[in-house]
């Protein structure tokens, strides 16, 4: 595919959740980032994944529910020079702390709490904040979860926008990232 091509991947699979109301992770979906790797993620039933390749070696994945509560998960691969700056887990934590401290003045929360997320192919840090500025509901979600996740060679900047701090979208995004893998395109599994 050519760079800049947008691929809509609508994933439908049988619900495999055992708990009532739980979001089930469904089939693996492979998103090829030419020259970097194949990012493999599991997407819950009822959510759509949209992949854009804005430049060679770059990718942006947007995951949204087909219906229901308005929420959005965005994962952007960091440019190689920025990825090198956050190569270690300590550097990732420091970068996420700096991002969160910059956003803290306009949040309801007065203290930044970092959460570590360990995955099958890396780890990352995230924070969650609630916008303290009054907004009409139509303007958009007030709750932000943001961070950086190492997934193999990739460094993904992740943003989750949701209506509530402990939303299903936030939990789904962190679960999705925990299952993410980065494999070379030749060695990727079926």
Protein backbone atom coordinates (compact mmCIF):
# COMPACT_ATOMS: atom_id res chain seq x y z
CA UNK A 1 0.00 0.00 0.00
CA UNK A 2 1.12 3.54 -0.62
CA UNK A 3 2.00 5.87 2.25
CA UNK A 4 -0.96 8.01 3.22
CA UNK A 5 -3.45 5.29 2.31
CA UNK A 6 -6.17 4.90 4.89
CA UNK A 7 -7.43 1.42 5.59
CA UNK A 8 -10.66 0.90 7.49
CA UNK A 9 -10.70 -2.41 9.30
CA UNK A 10 -14.10 -3.31 10.68
CA UNK A 11 -13.64 -6.24 12.99
CA UNK A 12 -16.50 -8.52 13.92
CA UNK A 13 -16.10 -11.70 15.96
CA UNK A 14 -18.11 -13.84 18.34
CA UNK A 15 -18.34 -12.49 21.86
CA UNK A 16 -16.04 -14.53 24.08
CA UNK A 17 -16.46 -12.71 27.37
CA UNK A 18 -17.32 -14.73 30.41
CA UNK A 19 -18.46 -11.84 32.60
CA UNK A 20 -21.67 -9.94 32.01
CA UNK A 21 -21.07 -6.72 30.15
CA UNK A 22 -17.33 -7.35 29.71
CA UNK A 23 -15.60 -6.30 26.51
CA UNK A 24 -14.02 -9.30 24.83
CA UNK A 25 -10.74 -9.04 22.99
CA UNK A 26 -11.27 -10.54 19.57
CA UNK A 27 -9.09 -11.61 16.69
CA UNK A 28 -5.57 -10.31 16.20
CA UNK A 29 -5.39 -7.55 13.65
CA UNK A 30 -2.13 -6.85 11.84
CA UNK A 31 -1.26 -3.29 10.90
CA UNK A 32 1.81 -3.19 8.68
CA UNK A 33 4.15 -0.23 9.16
CA UNK A 34 6.54 -0.52 6.20
CA UNK A 35 10.20 -0.57 7.19
CA UNK A 36 9.39 -0.91 10.89
CA UNK A 37 7.24 -3.92 11.78
CA UNK A 38 3.77 -5.39 11.82
CA UNK A 39 1.88 -4.09 14.82
CA UNK A 40 -0.47 -6.81 15.99
CA UNK A 41 -3.32 -5.84 18.30
CA UNK A 42 -6.51 -7.42 19.57
CA UNK A 43 -9.56 -5.20 19.15
CA UNK A 44 -12.79 -5.69 21.14
CA UNK A 45 -16.05 -6.59 19.51
CA UNK A 46 -18.02 -3.55 18.47
CA UNK A 47 -14.98 -1.30 17.91
CA UNK A 48 -13.50 -0.14 14.58
CA UNK A 49 -9.80 0.33 13.83
CA UNK A 50 -8.63 2.84 11.26
CA UNK A 51 -4.97 2.91 10.18
CA UNK A 52 -3.35 5.92 8.51
CA UNK A 53 0.25 6.08 7.33
CA UNK A 54 1.06 9.81 7.26
CA UNK A 55 4.73 9.25 6.31
CA UNK A 56 7.12 6.36 5.61
CA UNK A 57 7.71 4.38 8.80
CA UNK A 58 4.94 6.24 10.64
CA UNK A 59 1.49 5.09 11.61
CA UNK A 60 -1.57 6.37 13.41
CA UNK A 61 -4.24 3.98 14.60
CA UNK A 62 -7.62 5.33 15.69
CA UNK A 63 -9.98 2.93 17.49
CA UNK A 64 -13.58 3.93 18.21
CA UNK A 65 -16.78 2.15 19.23
CA UNK A 66 -19.37 1.51 16.52
CA UNK A 67 -22.02 2.89 18.85
CA UNK A 68 -22.63 3.74 22.46
CA UNK A 69 -20.54 5.98 24.68
CA UNK A 70 -18.38 8.41 22.76
CA UNK A 71 -14.74 7.45 23.19
CA UNK A 72 -11.61 7.33 21.11
CA UNK A 73 -8.23 5.61 21.36
CA UNK A 74 -5.38 6.99 19.25
CA UNK A 75 -1.95 5.37 18.95
CA UNK A 76 0.78 7.19 17.01
CA UNK A 77 4.19 5.75 16.32
CA UNK A 78 6.92 8.14 17.39
CA UNK A 79 9.39 9.27 14.74
CA UNK A 80 12.70 7.35 14.96
CA UNK A 81 14.59 10.28 16.50
CA UNK A 82 11.91 10.76 19.19
CA UNK A 83 11.71 7.00 19.78
CA UNK A 84 15.46 6.93 20.49
CA UNK A 85 14.95 9.59 23.16
CA UNK A 86 12.56 7.25 25.02
CA UNK A 87 14.44 3.99 24.48
CA UNK A 88 14.50 2.87 28.14
CA UNK A 89 11.54 2.41 30.47
CA UNK A 90 13.02 5.13 32.71
CA UNK A 91 13.08 7.58 29.80
CA UNK A 92 9.49 6.66 28.92
CA UNK A 93 8.41 7.33 32.52
CA UNK A 94 10.20 10.71 32.54
CA UNK A 95 8.64 11.75 29.21
CA UNK A 96 5.14 10.78 30.37
CA UNK A 97 5.64 12.60 33.68
CA UNK A 98 6.61 15.77 31.76
CA UNK A 99 3.52 15.45 29.53
CA UNK A 100 1.27 15.00 32.55
CA UNK A 101 2.80 17.87 34.53
CA UNK A 102 2.13 20.17 31.56
CA UNK A 103 -1.55 19.14 31.49
CA UNK A 104 -2.09 19.19 35.28
CA UNK A 105 -2.92 22.94 35.65
CA UNK A 106 -6.21 22.56 33.71
CA UNK A 107 -7.30 19.34 35.41
CA UNK A 108 -9.57 18.52 38.32
CA UNK A 109 -6.78 16.41 39.81
CA UNK A 110 -4.11 18.24 41.79
CA UNK A 111 -1.56 15.41 41.79
CA UNK A 112 -0.22 13.43 38.86
CA UNK A 113 -0.38 9.65 39.27
CA UNK A 114 1.54 7.52 36.78
CA UNK A 115 0.35 4.00 36.03
CA UNK A 116 2.66 1.37 34.58
CA UNK A 117 1.29 -0.98 31.94
CA UNK A 118 3.27 -4.15 31.20
CA UNK A 119 2.57 -5.88 27.91
CA UNK A 120 3.63 -8.98 26.03
CA UNK A 121 6.15 -7.00 23.95
CA UNK A 122 7.06 -4.03 26.17
CA UNK A 123 5.90 -1.65 28.85
CA UNK A 124 4.79 1.93 29.25
CA UNK A 125 3.43 4.60 31.56
CA UNK A 126 0.15 6.50 31.54
CA UNK A 127 -1.68 9.17 33.50
CA UNK A 128 -5.37 10.09 33.60
CA UNK A 129 -6.72 13.60 34.08
CA UNK A 130 -10.14 15.25 33.98
CA UNK A 131 -10.54 18.67 32.35
CA UNK A 132 -11.70 21.22 34.94
CA UNK A 133 -13.00 23.71 32.39
CA UNK A 134 -16.79 23.70 31.95
CA UNK A 135 -17.76 22.19 28.61
CA UNK A 136 -21.08 21.40 27.04
CA UNK A 137 -21.49 17.64 26.52
CA UNK A 138 -21.52 18.12 22.74
CA UNK A 139 -17.99 19.58 22.76
CA UNK A 140 -16.39 16.27 23.66
CA UNK A 141 -15.10 14.00 26.37
CA UNK A 142 -13.53 15.55 29.46
CA UNK A 143 -11.33 12.64 30.55
CA UNK A 144 -7.89 12.06 29.12
CA UNK A 145 -5.57 9.10 29.56
CA UNK A 146 -2.25 9.62 27.87
CA UNK A 147 1.16 7.99 27.79
CA UNK A 148 3.85 6.18 25.88
CA UNK A 149 4.08 2.43 25.38
CA UNK A 150 7.07 0.48 24.13
CA UNK A 151 5.92 -2.29 21.80
CA UNK A 152 9.01 -4.07 20.47
CA UNK A 153 10.92 -1.51 18.38
CA UNK A 154 7.95 0.87 18.32
CA UNK A 155 7.24 3.64 20.76
CA UNK A 156 3.55 4.49 20.68
CA UNK A 157 2.13 7.77 21.96
CA UNK A 158 -1.31 6.81 23.23
CA UNK A 159 -4.31 9.04 23.92
CA UNK A 160 -7.66 7.85 25.25
CA UNK A 161 -10.54 10.35 25.31
CA UNK A 162 -13.60 9.31 27.27
CA UNK A 163 -16.53 10.76 29.16
CA UNK A 164 -15.62 9.27 32.56
CA UNK A 165 -12.27 8.70 34.30
CA UNK A 166 -12.82 4.97 34.85
CA UNK A 167 -14.52 4.32 31.54
CA UNK A 168 -14.63 1.07 29.60
CA UNK A 169 -12.71 2.86 26.80
CA UNK A 170 -9.77 3.51 29.10
CA UNK A 171 -9.72 -0.06 30.38
CA UNK A 172 -10.03 -1.41 26.83
CA UNK A 173 -7.16 0.77 25.59
CA UNK A 174 -4.79 -0.41 28.30
CA UNK A 175 -5.82 -4.05 27.74
CA UNK A 176 -5.32 -3.63 24.00
CA UNK A 177 -1.82 -2.20 24.56
CA UNK A 178 -0.89 -5.04 26.89
CA UNK A 179 -1.56 -7.50 24.07
CA UNK A 180 0.21 -5.51 21.33
CA UNK A 181 3.18 -7.07 19.58
CA UNK A 182 5.66 -5.77 17.03
CA UNK A 183 7.01 -8.41 14.66
CA UNK A 184 8.96 -8.10 11.47
CA UNK A 185 6.62 -8.31 8.50
CA UNK A 186 8.27 -11.55 7.33
CA UNK A 187 8.03 -13.25 10.72
CA UNK A 188 4.54 -12.14 11.71
CA UNK A 189 2.14 -14.82 12.77
CA UNK A 190 -1.13 -15.57 11.00
